[in-house]
């Protein structure tokens, strides 16, 4: 019996059920409320902290996370032991067919600083208003906005993929579209079960993206995008760092060895840092904290 920990949102349960169906043997879903579910915004771990505590306490054996919610540094004693095949990593625009077709001054809903920064970098006339809640909640509020931005993977996993238009002009969040299966580092049996679900391409891409985030010491208050993908057998990593108001930003793209994804992530982080990324991220974090 594997006790599989998950958040209780519709999307989290859909993701956990998908994993449970593919694990060998009997699986029990254990629903755990996280700080993020209760509305906390304090740090990137808000959607994973309580699940990790349950792992360390032995209350669950395996936790399912949206990989973009998992901080770069894991608690001692825990490891990511599985990364299934990646879903669509890009963002989706709901309520409009394209960013260019939005009226001047159009109101776009998102709570993501990364999305805000990139949208304003593309269209500085847009009005970006905060929009929080689960996918269904946000879609229900679409009438309050000219458009909203969501992850395409979340729409797809809830069977609502047709409600958004591709928004591939934005560099996705690191890990977007990936699931991360986390377990105790000394639990070899659970690790082996999760490893059988791992897709090598997804793991490679996630490793590069997480290495970039870790090297830049980014947080949930910093607008950063990272997306690694296959490039004819090599690995292409795209990255974005910017201010929430879209006034200053840096983009980079580099091809590296797919066998060394962490090295590629670190190299791109160093290139971004040389161009002033750390200063931008520090300014972005101060601005985010001032707003709070």
Protein backbone atom coordinates (compact mmCIF):
# COMPACT_ATOMS: atom_id res chain seq x y z
CA UNK A 1 0.00 0.00 0.00
CA UNK A 2 1.34 3.41 -1.02
CA UNK A 3 -0.21 6.38 0.78
CA UNK A 4 -0.22 9.14 -1.81
CA UNK A 5 -0.41 12.69 -0.43
CA UNK A 6 -2.10 15.43 -2.43
CA UNK A 7 -3.77 18.80 -2.07
CA UNK A 8 -7.55 18.78 -2.23
CA UNK A 9 -8.19 21.06 -5.23
CA UNK A 10 -9.85 19.58 -8.31
CA UNK A 11 -6.63 19.91 -10.29
CA UNK A 12 -4.46 18.37 -7.56
CA UNK A 13 -6.86 15.43 -7.18
CA UNK A 14 -6.92 14.91 -10.95
CA UNK A 15 -3.12 14.84 -10.99
CA UNK A 16 -2.91 12.50 -8.00
CA UNK A 17 -5.52 10.16 -9.46
CA UNK A 18 -3.57 10.03 -12.71
CA UNK A 19 -0.46 9.00 -10.77
CA UNK A 20 -2.35 6.51 -8.58
CA UNK A 21 -3.74 4.70 -11.62
CA UNK A 22 -0.19 4.13 -12.90
CA UNK A 23 1.50 3.01 -9.69
CA UNK A 24 1.83 -0.70 -9.09
CA UNK A 25 -0.23 -2.18 -6.26
CA UNK A 26 -2.79 -0.61 -3.96
CA UNK A 27 -2.76 3.19 -3.49
CA UNK A 28 -4.59 5.31 -0.93
CA UNK A 29 -5.11 9.01 -1.65
CA UNK A 30 -4.52 11.19 1.41
CA UNK A 31 -5.80 14.76 1.05
CA UNK A 32 -3.84 17.44 2.94
CA UNK A 33 -4.66 21.16 3.13
CA UNK A 34 -1.66 23.42 2.52
CA UNK A 35 -0.89 27.01 3.47
CA UNK A 36 -1.49 28.01 -0.14
CA UNK A 37 -4.97 26.46 -0.04
CA UNK A 38 -5.71 28.65 2.98
CA UNK A 39 -4.69 31.78 1.08
CA UNK A 40 -1.12 32.29 2.32
CA UNK A 41 1.33 33.92 -0.10
CA UNK A 42 4.46 33.93 2.06
CA UNK A 43 6.85 31.79 0.02
CA UNK A 44 7.14 29.28 -2.79
CA UNK A 45 6.71 26.31 -0.43
CA UNK A 46 3.14 27.34 0.48
CA UNK A 47 1.64 24.59 -1.72
CA UNK A 48 4.06 21.82 -0.68
CA UNK A 49 5.14 22.47 2.93
CA UNK A 50 2.40 20.50 4.68
CA UNK A 51 2.78 17.60 2.23
CA UNK A 52 6.50 17.51 2.98
CA UNK A 53 5.79 17.58 6.70
CA UNK A 54 3.46 14.60 6.26
CA UNK A 55 6.22 12.74 4.39
CA UNK A 56 8.77 13.42 7.11
CA UNK A 57 6.27 12.37 9.81
CA UNK A 58 5.57 9.11 8.00
CA UNK A 59 1.90 9.96 7.44
CA UNK A 60 2.23 9.52 3.66
CA UNK A 61 4.75 7.67 1.51
CA UNK A 62 4.67 9.74 -1.67
CA UNK A 63 3.53 13.27 -2.48
CA UNK A 64 2.34 14.63 -5.83
CA UNK A 65 3.21 18.25 -6.60
CA UNK A 66 2.94 20.56 -9.56
CA UNK A 67 6.67 20.85 -10.15
CA UNK A 68 6.50 24.63 -10.55
CA UNK A 69 5.42 24.86 -6.87
CA UNK A 70 8.45 22.97 -5.53
CA UNK A 71 11.30 25.19 -4.20
CA UNK A 72 14.80 24.63 -5.52
CA UNK A 73 16.02 23.32 -2.16
CA UNK A 74 14.22 20.33 -0.64
CA UNK A 75 14.07 19.57 3.11
CA UNK A 76 16.73 17.18 4.41
CA UNK A 77 15.59 13.60 4.03
CA UNK A 78 13.34 14.16 1.01
CA UNK A 79 13.98 13.65 -2.70
CA UNK A 80 12.17 14.00 -6.00
CA UNK A 81 11.90 10.36 -7.04
CA UNK A 82 9.68 10.57 -10.11
CA UNK A 83 8.85 12.96 -12.96
CA UNK A 84 6.16 11.60 -15.33
CA UNK A 85 5.74 12.68 -18.92
CA UNK A 86 5.33 16.43 -19.19
CA UNK A 87 2.02 17.99 -20.17
CA UNK A 88 1.83 21.17 -22.26
CA UNK A 89 4.27 23.58 -20.53
CA UNK A 90 2.88 26.81 -21.98
CA UNK A 91 0.39 29.37 -20.72
CA UNK A 92 -3.07 29.78 -22.23
CA UNK A 93 -5.10 32.94 -22.86
CA UNK A 94 -8.77 32.56 -21.93
CA UNK A 95 -11.41 35.00 -23.11
CA UNK A 96 -9.51 36.27 -26.17
CA UNK A 97 -7.86 34.74 -29.21
CA UNK A 98 -4.51 36.53 -28.91
CA UNK A 99 -2.69 39.20 -26.89
CA UNK A 100 -2.40 41.41 -29.98
CA UNK A 101 -6.19 41.39 -30.42
CA UNK A 102 -6.97 42.75 -26.95
CA UNK A 103 -8.30 46.32 -26.96
CA UNK A 104 -6.02 49.12 -25.67
CA UNK A 105 -6.16 49.16 -21.87
CA UNK A 106 -7.71 45.70 -21.69
CA UNK A 107 -7.89 44.11 -18.23
CA UNK A 108 -6.06 40.78 -17.89
CA UNK A 109 -6.28 38.64 -14.77
CA UNK A 110 -3.38 36.73 -13.23
CA UNK A 111 -1.68 36.40 -9.84
CA UNK A 112 1.65 35.42 -11.41
CA UNK A 113 4.44 38.00 -11.34
CA UNK A 114 6.12 36.14 -14.21
CA UNK A 115 3.03 36.43 -16.39
CA UNK A 116 2.49 40.07 -15.36
CA UNK A 117 6.07 41.01 -16.26
CA UNK A 118 5.97 39.33 -19.66
CA UNK A 119 2.50 40.56 -20.58
CA UNK A 120 3.50 44.15 -19.81
CA UNK A 121 6.77 43.71 -21.68
CA UNK A 122 4.67 42.76 -24.72
CA UNK A 123 1.84 45.28 -24.17
CA UNK A 124 2.53 48.08 -21.70
CA UNK A 125 -0.98 49.43 -22.20
CA UNK A 126 -2.63 46.42 -20.55
CA UNK A 127 -4.09 46.62 -17.06
CA UNK A 128 -3.06 43.54 -15.08
CA UNK A 129 -5.32 42.76 -12.13
CA UNK A 130 -4.75 40.09 -9.51
CA UNK A 131 -6.76 36.91 -9.91
CA UNK A 132 -6.35 34.04 -7.45
CA UNK A 133 -8.11 30.75 -6.77
CA UNK A 134 -8.26 27.35 -8.39
CA UNK A 135 -8.81 26.89 -12.12
CA UNK A 136 -12.61 26.65 -11.89
CA UNK A 137 -12.80 29.73 -9.66
CA UNK A 138 -10.72 31.78 -12.08
CA UNK A 139 -12.71 30.67 -15.12
CA UNK A 140 -15.96 31.59 -13.37
CA UNK A 141 -14.62 35.12 -12.91
CA UNK A 142 -13.68 35.54 -16.57
CA UNK A 143 -16.54 38.00 -17.08
CA UNK A 144 -14.77 40.45 -14.76
CA UNK A 145 -11.78 40.62 -17.12
CA UNK A 146 -11.17 40.96 -20.84
CA UNK A 147 -8.96 37.87 -20.59
CA UNK A 148 -7.19 35.71 -18.02
CA UNK A 149 -4.03 33.64 -18.22
CA UNK A 150 -3.82 30.06 -16.94
CA UNK A 151 -1.52 27.10 -17.43
CA UNK A 152 -2.57 25.00 -20.41
CA UNK A 153 -1.61 21.85 -18.51
CA UNK A 154 -4.11 22.61 -15.76
CA UNK A 155 -6.90 23.18 -18.28
CA UNK A 156 -6.03 19.95 -20.08
CA UNK A 157 -5.92 17.87 -16.88
CA UNK A 158 -9.40 19.11 -15.95
CA UNK A 159 -10.80 18.38 -19.41
CA UNK A 160 -11.11 22.08 -20.24
CA UNK A 161 -8.23 22.41 -22.68
CA UNK A 162 -10.40 23.96 -25.37
CA UNK A 163 -11.15 27.03 -23.25
CA UNK A 164 -7.75 28.65 -23.85
CA UNK A 165 -5.62 29.82 -26.76
CA UNK A 166 -1.87 29.06 -26.91
CA UNK A 167 0.28 31.80 -25.38
CA UNK A 168 3.75 30.62 -26.33
CA UNK A 169 5.14 34.17 -26.44
CA UNK A 170 5.57 33.85 -22.65
CA UNK A 171 8.44 31.79 -21.23
CA UNK A 172 6.72 29.28 -18.91
CA UNK A 173 7.36 28.95 -15.19
CA UNK A 174 10.17 26.53 -14.33
CA UNK A 175 8.61 23.07 -14.11
CA UNK A 176 5.25 24.12 -15.59
CA UNK A 177 3.45 21.09 -17.00
CA UNK A 178 5.57 18.67 -14.95
CA UNK A 179 4.54 16.64 -11.93
CA UNK A 180 7.12 16.03 -9.21
CA UNK A 181 6.79 12.90 -7.06
CA UNK A 182 8.51 13.37 -3.71
CA UNK A 183 9.37 10.72 -1.12
CA UNK A 184 11.64 10.08 1.82
CA UNK A 185 15.20 9.57 0.61
CA UNK A 186 15.54 6.31 2.54
CA UNK A 187 12.32 4.75 1.18
CA UNK A 188 13.79 2.65 -1.63
CA UNK A 189 10.58 0.75 -2.41
CA UNK A 190 8.49 3.89 -2.95
CA UNK A 191 11.29 5.52 -4.93
CA UNK A 192 11.46 2.49 -7.21
CA UNK A 193 7.69 2.57 -7.78
CA UNK A 194 7.76 6.28 -8.64
CA UNK A 195 10.85 5.96 -10.81
CA UNK A 196 8.96 3.59 -13.10
CA UNK A 197 6.67 6.51 -14.00
CA UNK A 198 9.57 8.80 -14.88
CA UNK A 199 9.88 10.17 -18.39
CA UNK A 200 13.53 10.83 -19.20
CA UNK A 201 12.85 13.92 -21.33
CA UNK A 202 10.68 15.50 -18.63
CA UNK A 203 13.25 14.78 -15.94
CA UNK A 204 16.04 16.25 -18.06
CA UNK A 205 14.11 19.44 -18.76
CA UNK A 206 13.02 19.87 -15.15
CA UNK A 207 16.60 19.38 -13.93
CA UNK A 208 17.86 22.18 -16.18
CA UNK A 209 15.07 24.56 -15.17
CA UNK A 210 15.46 23.91 -11.45
CA UNK A 211 19.22 24.34 -11.68
CA UNK A 212 18.72 27.80 -13.20
CA UNK A 213 16.29 28.84 -10.45
CA UNK A 214 18.59 27.55 -7.71
CA UNK A 215 21.65 29.28 -9.17
CA UNK A 216 19.80 32.62 -9.26
CA UNK A 217 18.29 32.05 -5.78
CA UNK A 218 14.86 32.96 -7.17
CA UNK A 219 11.72 32.99 -5.02
CA UNK A 220 7.95 33.19 -5.53
CA UNK A 221 8.32 36.99 -5.44
CA UNK A 222 10.62 37.04 -8.48
CA UNK A 223 9.34 37.04 -12.08
CA UNK A 224 11.36 34.26 -13.70
CA UNK A 225 10.65 31.89 -16.57
CA UNK A 226 12.62 28.85 -17.69
CA UNK A 227 11.77 26.27 -20.31
CA UNK A 228 14.03 23.44 -21.51
CA UNK A 229 13.16 21.28 -24.50
CA UNK A 230 14.71 18.89 -26.99
CA UNK A 231 16.59 20.46 -29.88
CA UNK A 232 17.54 17.68 -32.30
CA UNK A 233 19.09 15.60 -29.53
CA UNK A 234 20.54 18.57 -27.65
CA UNK A 235 18.80 20.60 -24.92
CA UNK A 236 17.57 24.15 -25.58
CA UNK A 237 16.95 26.28 -22.50
CA UNK A 238 15.05 29.58 -22.73
CA UNK A 239 14.89 31.97 -19.77
CA UNK A 240 13.27 35.26 -18.77
CA UNK A 241 13.88 37.58 -15.84
CA UNK A 242 12.13 40.91 -15.44
CA UNK A 243 10.40 43.49 -13.30
CA UNK A 244 6.69 43.08 -12.56
CA UNK A 245 5.85 46.31 -14.40
CA UNK A 246 7.50 45.04 -17.60
CA UNK A 247 9.85 48.04 -17.77
CA UNK A 248 13.09 46.05 -17.65
CA UNK A 249 13.72 42.45 -18.59
CA UNK A 250 16.38 40.02 -19.80
CA UNK A 251 15.90 36.97 -22.02
CA UNK A 252 18.45 34.34 -22.92
CA UNK A 253 18.53 31.07 -24.83
CA UNK A 254 21.27 28.48 -25.02
CA UNK A 255 21.74 24.98 -26.43
CA UNK A 256 23.63 22.48 -24.28
CA UNK A 257 24.33 18.82 -23.70
CA UNK A 258 21.16 16.91 -22.82
CA UNK A 259 23.31 14.60 -20.70
CA UNK A 260 24.29 17.55 -18.47
CA UNK A 261 21.04 19.49 -17.85
CA UNK A 262 22.10 20.93 -14.48
CA UNK A 263 25.24 22.34 -16.06
CA UNK A 264 23.16 24.02 -18.78
CA UNK A 265 20.83 25.55 -16.19
CA UNK A 266 23.74 26.89 -14.18
CA UNK A 267 25.44 28.29 -17.29
CA UNK A 268 22.32 30.17 -18.40
CA UNK A 269 21.91 31.51 -14.86
CA UNK A 270 25.49 32.80 -14.96
CA UNK A 271 24.85 34.48 -18.32
CA UNK A 272 21.69 36.12 -16.95
CA UNK A 273 23.54 37.23 -13.83
CA UNK A 274 26.27 38.80 -15.94
CA UNK A 275 23.57 40.80 -17.72
CA UNK A 276 22.13 42.07 -14.41
CA UNK A 277 19.50 39.43 -13.59
CA UNK A 278 20.25 39.30 -9.86
CA UNK A 279 19.78 43.04 -9.51
CA UNK A 280 16.49 42.82 -11.40
CA UNK A 281 15.29 39.95 -9.21
CA UNK A 282 16.22 41.79 -6.03
CA UNK A 283 14.35 44.89 -7.21
CA UNK A 284 11.36 42.74 -8.20
CA UNK A 285 11.29 41.07 -4.79
CA UNK A 286 11.40 44.42 -2.98
CA UNK A 287 8.54 45.66 -5.13
CA UNK A 288 6.48 42.54 -4.42
CA UNK A 289 7.08 42.77 -0.68
CA UNK A 290 6.19 46.47 -0.67
CA UNK A 291 2.85 45.65 -2.28
CA UNK A 292 2.16 43.02 0.38
